[in-house]
Amino acid sequence: MNREEKVNSMIIGQRIKYARKSMNLTQEELGRLMCTDGKYISRLESGKSLPSLKRLVQLSRALKCTCDYFLWDMDVPETGSEDVDIEFDVNNAVDVMLSVYDSISSGM
């Protein structure tokens, strides 16, 4: 991981931690919501790992915020129910695209 990637991973990690704490979740609880463990969440929050696109979508769902919040320089979003519905639809579309991509790439 180069210096720029490390800085970005640390910023993303800080945002994950902030969003998790604002939901009053422990690392273990968030891990369970994402079908993983607290150690993975710890690695994300410390900047030692970056989430895959699929994990980023899971994080946004579990923490009730947009994927943009983790990736771009913005405050914690205040999502209304309409925003959440739209993001849910987008996240479902991303899941479908990832499944198609995985199917295509595993067949090659």
PDB file of N, CA and C in Angstrom:
ATOM      1  N   MET A   1       0.857  -1.169   0.000  1.00  0.00           N
ATOM      2  CA  MET A   1       0.000   0.000   0.000  1.00  0.00           C
ATOM      3  C   MET A   1       0.905   1.234   0.000  1.00  0.00           C
ATOM      4  N   ASN A   2       0.729   2.108  -1.015  1.00  0.00           N
ATOM      5  CA  ASN A   2       1.549   3.314  -1.052  1.00  0.00           C
ATOM      6  C   ASN A   2       1.000   4.344  -0.064  1.00  0.00           C
ATOM      7  N   ARG A   3       1.722   5.464   0.054  1.00  0.00           N
ATOM      8  CA  ARG A   3       1.372   6.480   1.054  1.00  0.00           C
ATOM      9  C   ARG A   3      -0.046   7.024   0.843  1.00  0.00           C
ATOM     10  N   GLU A   4      -0.403   7.318  -0.401  1.00  0.00           N
ATOM     11  CA  GLU A   4      -1.732   7.866  -0.686  1.00  0.00           C
ATOM     12  C   GLU A   4      -2.834   6.868  -0.333  1.00  0.00           C
ATOM     13  N   GLU A   5      -2.622   5.593  -0.686  1.00  0.00           N
ATOM     14  CA  GLU A   5      -3.611   4.566  -0.348  1.00  0.00           C
ATOM     15  C   GLU A   5      -3.749   4.427   1.164  1.00  0.00           C
ATOM     16  N   LYS A   6      -2.610   4.526   1.875  1.00  0.00           N
ATOM     17  CA  LYS A   6      -2.627   4.411   3.332  1.00  0.00           C
ATOM     18  C   LYS A   6      -3.430   5.551   3.954  1.00  0.00           C
ATOM     19  N   VAL A   7      -3.209   6.777   3.467  1.00  0.00           N
ATOM     20  CA  VAL A   7      -3.965   7.928   3.972  1.00  0.00           C
ATOM     21  C   VAL A   7      -5.452   7.733   3.707  1.00  0.00           C
ATOM     22  N   ASN A   8      -5.795   7.319   2.487  1.00  0.00           N
ATOM     23  CA  ASN A   8      -7.200   7.090   2.139  1.00  0.00           C
ATOM     24  C   ASN A   8      -7.820   5.996   3.000  1.00  0.00           C
ATOM     25  N   SER A   9      -7.080   4.918   3.232  1.00  0.00           N
ATOM     26  CA  SER A   9      -7.623   3.826   4.040  1.00  0.00           C
ATOM     27  C   SER A   9      -7.830   4.272   5.484  1.00  0.00           C
ATOM     28  N   MET A  10      -6.956   5.148   5.969  1.00  0.00           N
ATOM     29  CA  MET A  10      -7.113   5.652   7.336  1.00  0.00           C
ATOM     30  C   MET A  10      -8.339   6.565   7.443  1.00  0.00           C
ATOM     31  N   ILE A  11      -8.560   7.398   6.426  1.00  0.00           N
ATOM     32  CA  ILE A  11      -9.735   8.280   6.426  1.00  0.00           C
ATOM     33  C   ILE A  11     -11.013   7.450   6.364  1.00  0.00           C
ATOM     34  N   ILE A  12     -11.037   6.462   5.478  1.00  0.00           N
ATOM     35  CA  ILE A  12     -12.206   5.582   5.379  1.00  0.00           C
ATOM     36  C   ILE A  12     -12.426   4.867   6.708  1.00  0.00           C
ATOM     37  N   GLY A  13     -11.348   4.392   7.314  1.00  0.00           N
ATOM     38  CA  GLY A  13     -11.439   3.718   8.610  1.00  0.00           C
ATOM     39  C   GLY A  13     -12.012   4.606   9.697  1.00  0.00           C
ATOM     40  N   GLN A  14     -11.580   5.866   9.715  1.00  0.00           N
ATOM     41  CA  GLN A  14     -12.102   6.813  10.705  1.00  0.00           C
ATOM     42  C   GLN A  14     -13.602   7.026  10.506  1.00  0.00           C
ATOM     43  N   ARG A  15     -14.015   7.093   9.257  1.00  0.00           N
ATOM     44  CA  ARG A  15     -15.442   7.298   8.971  1.00  0.00           C
ATOM     45  C   ARG A  15     -16.269   6.078   9.363  1.00  0.00           C
ATOM     46  N   ILE A  16     -15.719   4.895   9.123  1.00  0.00           N
ATOM     47  CA  ILE A  16     -16.414   3.669   9.536  1.00  0.00           C
ATOM     48  C   ILE A  16     -16.582   3.671  11.053  1.00  0.00           C
ATOM     49  N   LYS A  17     -15.501   3.988  11.751  1.00  0.00           N
ATOM     50  CA  LYS A  17     -15.537   3.999  13.217  1.00  0.00           C
ATOM     51  C   LYS A  17     -16.552   5.016  13.732  1.00  0.00           C
ATOM     52  N   TYR A  18     -16.542   6.213  13.157  1.00  0.00           N
ATOM     53  CA  TYR A  18     -17.470   7.261  13.588  1.00  0.00           C
ATOM     54  C   TYR A  18     -18.921   6.824  13.363  1.00  0.00           C
ATOM     55  N   ALA A  19     -19.195   6.283  12.186  1.00  0.00           N
ATOM     56  CA  ALA A  19     -20.562   5.842  11.873  1.00  0.00           C
ATOM     57  C   ALA A  19     -20.981   4.689  12.786  1.00  0.00           C
ATOM     58  N   ARG A  20     -20.051   3.775  13.050  1.00  0.00           N
ATOM     59  CA  ARG A  20     -20.352   2.635  13.932  1.00  0.00           C
ATOM     60  C   ARG A  20     -20.687   3.122  15.338  1.00  0.00           C
ATOM     61  N   LYS A  21     -19.864   4.035  15.847  1.00  0.00           N
ATOM     62  CA  LYS A  21     -20.097   4.535  17.206  1.00  0.00           C
ATOM     63  C   LYS A  21     -21.387   5.349  17.287  1.00  0.00           C
ATOM     64  N   SER A  22     -21.712   6.074  16.220  1.00  0.00           N
ATOM     65  CA  SER A  22     -22.956   6.855  16.239  1.00  0.00           C
ATOM     66  C   SER A  22     -24.184   5.946  16.241  1.00  0.00           C
ATOM     67  N   MET A  23     -24.010   4.705  15.801  1.00  0.00           N
ATOM     68  CA  MET A  23     -25.098   3.709  15.848  1.00  0.00           C
ATOM     69  C   MET A  23     -25.039   2.884  17.146  1.00  0.00           C
ATOM     70  N   ASN A  24     -24.077   3.221  18.024  1.00  0.00           N
ATOM     71  CA  ASN A  24     -23.892   2.501  19.296  1.00  0.00           C
ATOM     72  C   ASN A  24     -23.641   1.010  19.084  1.00  0.00           C
ATOM     73  N   LEU A  25     -22.811   0.694  18.095  1.00  0.00           N
ATOM     74  CA  LEU A  25     -22.455  -0.698  17.811  1.00  0.00           C
ATOM     75  C   LEU A  25     -21.008  -0.954  18.197  1.00  0.00           C
ATOM     76  N   THR A  26     -20.731  -2.151  18.681  1.00  0.00           N
ATOM     77  CA  THR A  26     -19.347  -2.565  18.882  1.00  0.00           C
ATOM     78  C   THR A  26     -18.812  -3.093  17.552  1.00  0.00           C
ATOM     79  N   GLN A  27     -17.509  -3.292  17.493  1.00  0.00           N
ATOM     80  CA  GLN A  27     -16.922  -3.874  16.283  1.00  0.00           C
ATOM     81  C   GLN A  27     -17.484  -5.265  16.043  1.00  0.00           C
ATOM     82  N   GLU A  28     -17.657  -6.030  17.104  1.00  0.00           N
ATOM     83  CA  GLU A  28     -18.215  -7.384  16.977  1.00  0.00           C
ATOM     84  C   GLU A  28     -19.647  -7.346  16.443  1.00  0.00           C
ATOM     85  N   GLU A  29     -20.450  -6.428  16.958  1.00  0.00           N
ATOM     86  CA  GLU A  29     -21.845  -6.330  16.508  1.00  0.00           C
ATOM     87  C   GLU A  29     -21.921  -5.950  15.031  1.00  0.00           C
ATOM     88  N   LEU A  30     -21.096  -4.979  14.631  1.00  0.00           N
ATOM     89  CA  LEU A  30     -21.072  -4.599  13.217  1.00  0.00           C
ATOM     90  C   LEU A  30     -20.585  -5.770  12.372  1.00  0.00           C
ATOM     91  N   GLY A  31     -19.581  -6.470  12.858  1.00  0.00           N
ATOM     92  CA  GLY A  31     -19.084  -7.639  12.145  1.00  0.00           C
ATOM     93  C   GLY A  31     -20.171  -8.676  11.927  1.00  0.00           C
ATOM     94  N   ARG A  32     -20.955  -8.934  12.960  1.00  0.00           N
ATOM     95  CA  ARG A  32     -22.048  -9.914  12.832  1.00  0.00           C
ATOM     96  C   ARG A  32     -23.084  -9.459  11.808  1.00  0.00           C
ATOM     97  N   LEU A  33     -23.385  -8.159  11.786  1.00  0.00           N
ATOM     98  CA  LEU A  33     -24.340  -7.643  10.796  1.00  0.00           C
ATOM     99  C   LEU A  33     -23.838  -7.858   9.373  1.00  0.00           C
ATOM    100  N   MET A  34     -22.506  -7.923   9.222  1.00  0.00           N
ATOM    101  CA  MET A  34     -21.903  -8.074   7.899  1.00  0.00           C
ATOM    102  C   MET A  34     -21.421  -9.501   7.639  1.00  0.00           C
ATOM    103  N   CYS A  35     -21.779 -10.436   8.516  1.00  0.00           N
ATOM    104  CA  CYS A  35     -21.354 -11.844   8.388  1.00  0.00           C
ATOM    105  C   CYS A  35     -19.829 -11.966   8.383  1.00  0.00           C
ATOM    106  N   THR A  36     -19.190 -11.224   9.257  1.00  0.00           N
ATOM    107  CA  THR A  36     -17.745 -11.304   9.431  1.00  0.00           C
ATOM    108  C   THR A  36     -17.479 -11.167  10.929  1.00  0.00           C
ATOM    109  N   ASP A  37     -16.267 -10.801  11.303  1.00  0.00           N
ATOM    110  CA  ASP A  37     -15.967 -10.677  12.729  1.00  0.00           C
ATOM    111  C   ASP A  37     -15.436  -9.288  13.078  1.00  0.00           C
ATOM    112  N   GLY A  38     -15.295  -9.059  14.370  1.00  0.00           N
ATOM    113  CA  GLY A  38     -14.816  -7.771  14.856  1.00  0.00           C
ATOM    114  C   GLY A  38     -13.391  -7.470  14.445  1.00  0.00           C
ATOM    115  N   LYS A  39     -12.595  -8.507  14.225  1.00  0.00           N
ATOM    116  CA  LYS A  39     -11.202  -8.289  13.806  1.00  0.00           C
ATOM    117  C   LYS A  39     -11.146  -7.625  12.434  1.00  0.00           C
ATOM    118  N   TYR A  40     -12.039  -8.025  11.544  1.00  0.00           N
ATOM    119  CA  TYR A  40     -12.093  -7.407  10.213  1.00  0.00           C
ATOM    120  C   TYR A  40     -12.462  -5.934  10.341  1.00  0.00           C
ATOM    121  N   ILE A  41     -13.445  -5.630  11.179  1.00  0.00           N
ATOM    122  CA  ILE A  41     -13.863  -4.242  11.392  1.00  0.00           C
ATOM    123  C   ILE A  41     -12.703  -3.450  11.985  1.00  0.00           C
ATOM    124  N   SER A  42     -11.978  -4.038  12.905  1.00  0.00           N
ATOM    125  CA  SER A  42     -10.817  -3.379  13.502  1.00  0.00           C
ATOM    126  C   SER A  42      -9.767  -3.045  12.445  1.00  0.00           C
ATOM    127  N   ARG A  43      -9.512  -3.987  11.531  1.00  0.00           N
ATOM    128  CA  ARG A  43      -8.531  -3.738  10.458  1.00  0.00           C
ATOM    129  C   ARG A  43      -8.997  -2.603   9.553  1.00  0.00           C
ATOM    130  N   LEU A  44     -10.299  -2.547   9.273  1.00  0.00           N
ATOM    131  CA  LEU A  44     -10.831  -1.452   8.459  1.00  0.00           C
ATOM    132  C   LEU A  44     -10.665  -0.124   9.180  1.00  0.00           C
ATOM    133  N   GLU A  45     -11.068  -0.090  10.449  1.00  0.00           N
ATOM    134  CA  GLU A  45     -11.033   1.160  11.203  1.00  0.00           C
ATOM    135  C   GLU A  45      -9.616   1.669  11.433  1.00  0.00           C
ATOM    136  N   SER A  46      -8.658   0.768  11.515  1.00  0.00           N
ATOM    137  CA  SER A  46      -7.265   1.186  11.729  1.00  0.00           C
ATOM    138  C   SER A  46      -6.558   1.531  10.424  1.00  0.00           C
ATOM    139  N   GLY A  47      -7.231   1.315   9.299  1.00  0.00           N
ATOM    140  CA  GLY A  47      -6.630   1.630   8.007  1.00  0.00           C
ATOM    141  C   GLY A  47      -5.716   0.544   7.479  1.00  0.00           C
ATOM    142  N   LYS A  48      -5.711  -0.617   8.121  1.00  0.00           N
ATOM    143  CA  LYS A  48      -4.857  -1.722   7.673  1.00  0.00           C
ATOM    144  C   LYS A  48      -5.450  -2.460   6.485  1.00  0.00           C
ATOM    145  N   SER A  49      -6.754  -2.326   6.295  1.00  0.00           N
ATOM    146  CA  SER A  49      -7.445  -2.960   5.169  1.00  0.00           C
ATOM    147  C   SER A  49      -8.424  -1.971   4.564  1.00  0.00           C
ATOM    148  N   LEU A  50      -8.703  -2.173   3.288  1.00  0.00           N
ATOM    149  CA  LEU A  50      -9.743  -1.407   2.600  1.00  0.00           C
ATOM    150  C   LEU A  50     -10.893  -2.353   2.276  1.00  0.00           C
ATOM    151  N   PRO A  51     -12.134  -1.897   2.417  1.00  0.00           N
ATOM    152  CA  PRO A  51     -13.256  -2.773   2.092  1.00  0.00           C
ATOM    153  C   PRO A  51     -13.405  -2.933   0.580  1.00  0.00           C
ATOM    154  N   SER A  52     -13.811  -4.117   0.174  1.00  0.00           N
ATOM    155  CA  SER A  52     -14.159  -4.334  -1.231  1.00  0.00           C
ATOM    156  C   SER A  52     -15.450  -3.572  -1.511  1.00  0.00           C
ATOM    157  N   LEU A  53     -15.823  -3.485  -2.765  1.00  0.00           N
ATOM    158  CA  LEU A  53     -17.072  -2.812  -3.118  1.00  0.00           C
ATOM    159  C   LEU A  53     -18.256  -3.495  -2.433  1.00  0.00           C
ATOM    160  N   LYS A  54     -18.248  -4.806  -2.432  1.00  0.00           N
ATOM    161  CA  LYS A  54     -19.335  -5.554  -1.793  1.00  0.00           C
ATOM    162  C   LYS A  54     -19.405  -5.243  -0.300  1.00  0.00           C
ATOM    163  N   ARG A  55     -18.248  -5.216   0.367  1.00  0.00           N
ATOM    164  CA  ARG A  55     -18.214  -4.905   1.801  1.00  0.00           C
ATOM    165  C   ARG A  55     -18.611  -3.454   2.063  1.00  0.00           C
ATOM    166  N   LEU A  56     -18.246  -2.551   1.151  1.00  0.00           N
ATOM    167  CA  LEU A  56     -18.618  -1.149   1.296  1.00  0.00           C
ATOM    168  C   LEU A  56     -20.143  -1.000   1.273  1.00  0.00           C
ATOM    169  N   VAL A  57     -20.787  -1.735   0.389  1.00  0.00           N
ATOM    170  CA  VAL A  57     -22.251  -1.720   0.321  1.00  0.00           C
ATOM    171  C   VAL A  57     -22.832  -2.286   1.620  1.00  0.00           C
ATOM    172  N   GLN A  58     -22.254  -3.370   2.124  1.00  0.00           N
ATOM    173  CA  GLN A  58     -22.725  -3.945   3.384  1.00  0.00           C
ATOM    174  C   GLN A  58     -22.564  -2.949   4.533  1.00  0.00           C
ATOM    175  N   LEU A  59     -21.420  -2.256   4.560  1.00  0.00           N
ATOM    176  CA  LEU A  59     -21.188  -1.243   5.595  1.00  0.00           C
ATOM    177  C   LEU A  59     -22.242  -0.151   5.533  1.00  0.00           C
ATOM    178  N   SER A  60     -22.510   0.331   4.327  1.00  0.00           N
ATOM    179  CA  SER A  60     -23.481   1.418   4.188  1.00  0.00           C
ATOM    180  C   SER A  60     -24.868   0.981   4.648  1.00  0.00           C
ATOM    181  N   ARG A  61     -25.223  -0.250   4.368  1.00  0.00           N
ATOM    182  CA  ARG A  61     -26.527  -0.760   4.813  1.00  0.00           C
ATOM    183  C   ARG A  61     -26.564  -0.897   6.334  1.00  0.00           C
ATOM    184  N   ALA A  62     -25.528  -1.513   6.889  1.00  0.00           N
ATOM    185  CA  ALA A  62     -25.498  -1.759   8.333  1.00  0.00           C
ATOM    186  C   ALA A  62     -25.450  -0.459   9.128  1.00  0.00           C
ATOM    187  N   LEU A  63     -24.739   0.540   8.594  1.00  0.00           N
ATOM    188  CA  LEU A  63     -24.554   1.797   9.322  1.00  0.00           C
ATOM    189  C   LEU A  63     -25.521   2.888   8.877  1.00  0.00           C
ATOM    190  N   LYS A  64     -26.436   2.527   7.970  1.00  0.00           N
ATOM    191  CA  LYS A  64     -27.487   3.442   7.504  1.00  0.00           C
ATOM    192  C   LYS A  64     -26.936   4.776   7.003  1.00  0.00           C
ATOM    193  N   CYS A  65     -25.934   4.676   6.147  1.00  0.00           N
ATOM    194  CA  CYS A  65     -25.396   5.869   5.497  1.00  0.00           C
ATOM    195  C   CYS A  65     -25.042   5.498   4.058  1.00  0.00           C
ATOM    196  N   THR A  66     -24.691   6.483   3.284  1.00  0.00           N
ATOM    197  CA  THR A  66     -24.404   6.226   1.880  1.00  0.00           C
ATOM    198  C   THR A  66     -22.967   5.759   1.695  1.00  0.00           C
ATOM    199  N   CYS A  67     -22.711   5.073   0.606  1.00  0.00           N
ATOM    200  CA  CYS A  67     -21.338   4.687   0.266  1.00  0.00           C
ATOM    201  C   CYS A  67     -20.473   5.928   0.074  1.00  0.00           C
ATOM    202  N   ASP A  68     -21.084   6.991  -0.449  1.00  0.00           N
ATOM    203  CA  ASP A  68     -20.353   8.244  -0.657  1.00  0.00           C
ATOM    204  C   ASP A  68     -19.721   8.749   0.628  1.00  0.00           C
ATOM    205  N   TYR A  69     -20.407   8.572   1.736  1.00  0.00           N
ATOM    206  CA  TYR A  69     -19.883   9.054   3.015  1.00  0.00           C
ATOM    207  C   TYR A  69     -18.493   8.485   3.286  1.00  0.00           C
ATOM    208  N   PHE A  70     -18.277   7.221   2.982  1.00  0.00           N
ATOM    209  CA  PHE A  70     -16.984   6.600   3.251  1.00  0.00           C
ATOM    210  C   PHE A  70     -15.911   7.041   2.261  1.00  0.00           C
ATOM    211  N   LEU A  71     -16.319   7.357   1.040  1.00  0.00           N
ATOM    212  CA  LEU A  71     -15.354   7.600  -0.031  1.00  0.00           C
ATOM    213  C   LEU A  71     -15.018   9.060  -0.284  1.00  0.00           C
ATOM    214  N   TRP A  72     -15.937   9.966  -0.002  1.00  0.00           N
ATOM    215  CA  TRP A  72     -15.736  11.368  -0.337  1.00  0.00           C
ATOM    216  C   TRP A  72     -15.673  12.206   0.916  1.00  0.00           C
ATOM    217  N   ASP A  73     -15.140  13.395   0.772  1.00  0.00           N
ATOM    218  CA  ASP A  73     -14.972  14.311   1.894  1.00  0.00           C
ATOM    219  C   ASP A  73     -16.295  14.999   2.199  1.00  0.00           C
ATOM    220  N   MET A  74     -17.089  14.373   3.053  1.00  0.00           N
ATOM    221  CA  MET A  74     -18.378  14.956   3.418  1.00  0.00           C
ATOM    222  C   MET A  74     -18.725  14.560   4.841  1.00  0.00           C
ATOM    223  N   ASP A  75     -19.614  15.311   5.443  1.00  0.00           N
ATOM    224  CA  ASP A  75     -20.067  15.018   6.796  1.00  0.00           C
ATOM    225  C   ASP A  75     -20.977  13.797   6.783  1.00  0.00           C
ATOM    226  N   VAL A  76     -21.280  13.312   7.978  1.00  0.00           N
ATOM    227  CA  VAL A  76     -22.201  12.184   8.085  1.00  0.00           C
ATOM    228  C   VAL A  76     -23.527  12.609   7.485  1.00  0.00           C
ATOM    229  N   PRO A  77     -23.998  11.871   6.500  1.00  0.00           N
ATOM    230  CA  PRO A  77     -25.235  12.270   5.832  1.00  0.00           C
ATOM    231  C   PRO A  77     -26.449  12.046   6.712  1.00  0.00           C
ATOM    232  N   GLU A  78     -27.403  12.895   6.538  1.00  0.00           N
ATOM    233  CA  GLU A  78     -28.693  12.704   7.193  1.00  0.00           C
ATOM    234  C   GLU A  78     -29.629  12.175   6.121  1.00  0.00           C
ATOM    235  N   THR A  79     -29.790  10.875   6.080  1.00  0.00           N
ATOM    236  CA  THR A  79     -30.606  10.289   5.024  1.00  0.00           C
ATOM    237  C   THR A  79     -32.049  10.200   5.469  1.00  0.00           C
ATOM    238  N   GLY A  80     -32.932  10.617   4.589  1.00  0.00           N
ATOM    239  CA  GLY A  80     -34.359  10.457   4.824  1.00  0.00           C
ATOM    240  C   GLY A  80     -34.776   9.096   4.321  1.00  0.00           C
ATOM    241  N   SER A  81     -35.994   8.708   4.584  1.00  0.00           N
ATOM    242  CA  SER A  81     -36.437   7.376   4.159  1.00  0.00           C
ATOM    243  C   SER A  81     -36.408   7.249   2.643  1.00  0.00           C
ATOM    244  N   GLU A  82     -36.688   8.337   1.918  1.00  0.00           N
ATOM    245  CA  GLU A  82     -36.647   8.285   0.454  1.00  0.00           C
ATOM    246  C   GLU A  82     -35.220   8.044  -0.031  1.00  0.00           C
ATOM    247  N   ASP A  83     -34.246   8.709   0.612  1.00  0.00           N
ATOM    248  CA  ASP A  83     -32.843   8.515   0.255  1.00  0.00           C
ATOM    249  C   ASP A  83     -32.416   7.073   0.493  1.00  0.00           C
ATOM    250  N   VAL A  84     -32.841   6.511   1.617  1.00  0.00           N
ATOM    251  CA  VAL A  84     -32.487   5.133   1.949  1.00  0.00           C
ATOM    252  C   VAL A  84     -33.093   4.180   0.931  1.00  0.00           C
ATOM    253  N   ASP A  85     -34.357   4.424   0.525  1.00  0.00           N
ATOM    254  CA  ASP A  85     -34.998   3.574  -0.476  1.00  0.00           C
ATOM    255  C   ASP A  85     -34.244   3.624  -1.799  1.00  0.00           C
ATOM    256  N   ILE A  86     -33.854   4.823  -2.217  1.00  0.00           N
ATOM    257  CA  ILE A  86     -33.107   4.968  -3.468  1.00  0.00           C
ATOM    258  C   ILE A  86     -31.770   4.262  -3.353  1.00  0.00           C
ATOM    259  N   GLU A  87     -31.079   4.469  -2.227  1.00  0.00           N
ATOM    260  CA  GLU A  87     -29.784   3.817  -2.063  1.00  0.00           C
ATOM    261  C   GLU A  87     -29.949   2.305  -2.016  1.00  0.00           C
ATOM    262  N   PHE A  88     -31.011   1.818  -1.386  1.00  0.00           N
ATOM    263  CA  PHE A  88     -31.260   0.385  -1.339  1.00  0.00           C
ATOM    264  C   PHE A  88     -31.406  -0.166  -2.751  1.00  0.00           C
ATOM    265  N   ASP A  89     -32.149   0.539  -3.603  1.00  0.00           N
ATOM    266  CA  ASP A  89     -32.305   0.124  -4.996  1.00  0.00           C
ATOM    267  C   ASP A  89     -30.963   0.119  -5.716  1.00  0.00           C
ATOM    268  N   VAL A  90     -30.164   1.152  -5.492  1.00  0.00           N
ATOM    269  CA  VAL A  90     -28.838   1.229  -6.118  1.00  0.00           C
ATOM    270  C   VAL A  90     -27.960   0.103  -5.601  1.00  0.00           C
ATOM    271  N   ASN A  91     -27.991  -0.140  -4.290  1.00  0.00           N
ATOM    272  CA  ASN A  91     -27.189  -1.217  -3.715  1.00  0.00           C
ATOM    273  C   ASN A  91     -27.599  -2.573  -4.277  1.00  0.00           C
ATOM    274  N   ASN A  92     -28.895  -2.785  -4.460  1.00  0.00           N
ATOM    275  CA  ASN A  92     -29.358  -4.038  -5.065  1.00  0.00           C
ATOM    276  C   ASN A  92     -28.838  -4.171  -6.492  1.00  0.00           C
ATOM    277  N   ALA A  93     -28.847  -3.069  -7.237  1.00  0.00           N
ATOM    278  CA  ALA A  93     -28.321  -3.089  -8.607  1.00  0.00           C
ATOM    279  C   ALA A  93     -26.834  -3.403  -8.594  1.00  0.00           C
ATOM    280  N   VAL A  94     -26.105  -2.834  -7.637  1.00  0.00           N
ATOM    281  CA  VAL A  94     -24.668  -3.114  -7.518  1.00  0.00           C
ATOM    282  C   VAL A  94     -24.455  -4.589  -7.212  1.00  0.00           C
ATOM    283  N   ASP A  95     -25.258  -5.151  -6.307  1.00  0.00           N
ATOM    284  CA  ASP A  95     -25.144  -6.577  -5.985  1.00  0.00           C
ATOM    285  C   ASP A  95     -25.350  -7.445  -7.224  1.00  0.00           C
ATOM    286  N   VAL A  96     -26.337  -7.100  -8.025  1.00  0.00           N
ATOM    287  CA  VAL A  96     -26.606  -7.852  -9.255  1.00  0.00           C
ATOM    288  C   VAL A  96     -25.417  -7.736 -10.204  1.00  0.00           C
ATOM    289  N   MET A  97     -24.901  -6.513 -10.371  1.00  0.00           N
ATOM    290  CA  MET A  97     -23.756  -6.318 -11.268  1.00  0.00           C
ATOM    291  C   MET A  97     -22.534  -7.084 -10.780  1.00  0.00           C
ATOM    292  N   LEU A  98     -22.308  -7.092  -9.461  1.00  0.00           N
ATOM    293  CA  LEU A  98     -21.178  -7.837  -8.913  1.00  0.00           C
ATOM    294  C   LEU A  98     -21.344  -9.335  -9.151  1.00  0.00           C
ATOM    295  N   SER A  99     -22.559  -9.833  -9.003  1.00  0.00           N
ATOM    296  CA  SER A  99     -22.815 -11.253  -9.254  1.00  0.00           C
ATOM    297  C   SER A  99     -22.549 -11.610 -10.710  1.00  0.00           C
ATOM    298  N   VAL A 100     -23.004 -10.754 -11.613  1.00  0.00           N
ATOM    299  CA  VAL A 100     -22.765 -10.984 -13.043  1.00  0.00           C
ATOM    300  C   VAL A 100     -21.274 -10.946 -13.329  1.00  0.00           C
ATOM    301  N   TYR A 101     -20.585  -9.949 -12.774  1.00  0.00           N
ATOM    302  CA  TYR A 101     -19.140  -9.833 -12.976  1.00  0.00           C
ATOM    303  C   TYR A 101     -18.418 -11.074 -12.452  1.00  0.00           C
ATOM    304  N   ASP A 102     -18.784 -11.515 -11.234  1.00  0.00           N
ATOM    305  CA  ASP A 102     -18.160 -12.708 -10.660  1.00  0.00           C
ATOM    306  C   ASP A 102     -18.400 -13.929 -11.540  1.00  0.00           C
ATOM    307  N   SER A 103     -19.619 -14.063 -12.068  1.00  0.00           N
ATOM    308  CA  SER A 103     -19.939 -15.196 -12.942  1.00  0.00           C
ATOM    309  C   SER A 103     -19.104 -15.164 -14.215  1.00  0.00           C
ATOM    310  N   ILE A 104     -18.983 -13.980 -14.789  1.00  0.00           N
ATOM    311  CA  ILE A 104     -18.214 -13.836 -16.028  1.00  0.00           C
ATOM    312  C   ILE A 104     -16.739 -14.088 -15.776  1.00  0.00           C
ATOM    313  N   SER A 105     -16.205 -13.481 -14.709  1.00  0.00           N
ATOM    314  CA  SER A 105     -14.766 -13.605 -14.457  1.00  0.00           C
ATOM    315  C   SER A 105     -14.378 -15.015 -14.024  1.00  0.00           C
ATOM    316  N   SER A 106     -15.270 -15.739 -13.343  1.00  0.00           N
ATOM    317  CA  SER A 106     -14.941 -17.108 -12.944  1.00  0.00           C
ATOM    318  C   SER A 106     -15.015 -18.068 -14.128  1.00  0.00           C
ATOM    319  N   GLY A 107     -15.746 -17.680 -15.161  1.00  0.00           N
ATOM    320  CA  GLY A 107     -15.859 -18.517 -16.353  1.00  0.00           C
ATOM    321  C   GLY A 107     -14.702 -18.343 -17.315  1.00  0.00           C
ATOM    322  N   MET A 108     -13.863 -17.350 -17.055  1.00  0.00           N
ATOM    323  CA  MET A 108     -12.743 -17.081 -17.973  1.00  0.00           C
ATOM    324  C   MET A 108     -11.521 -17.849 -17.590  1.00  0.00           C
TER     325      MET A 108
END
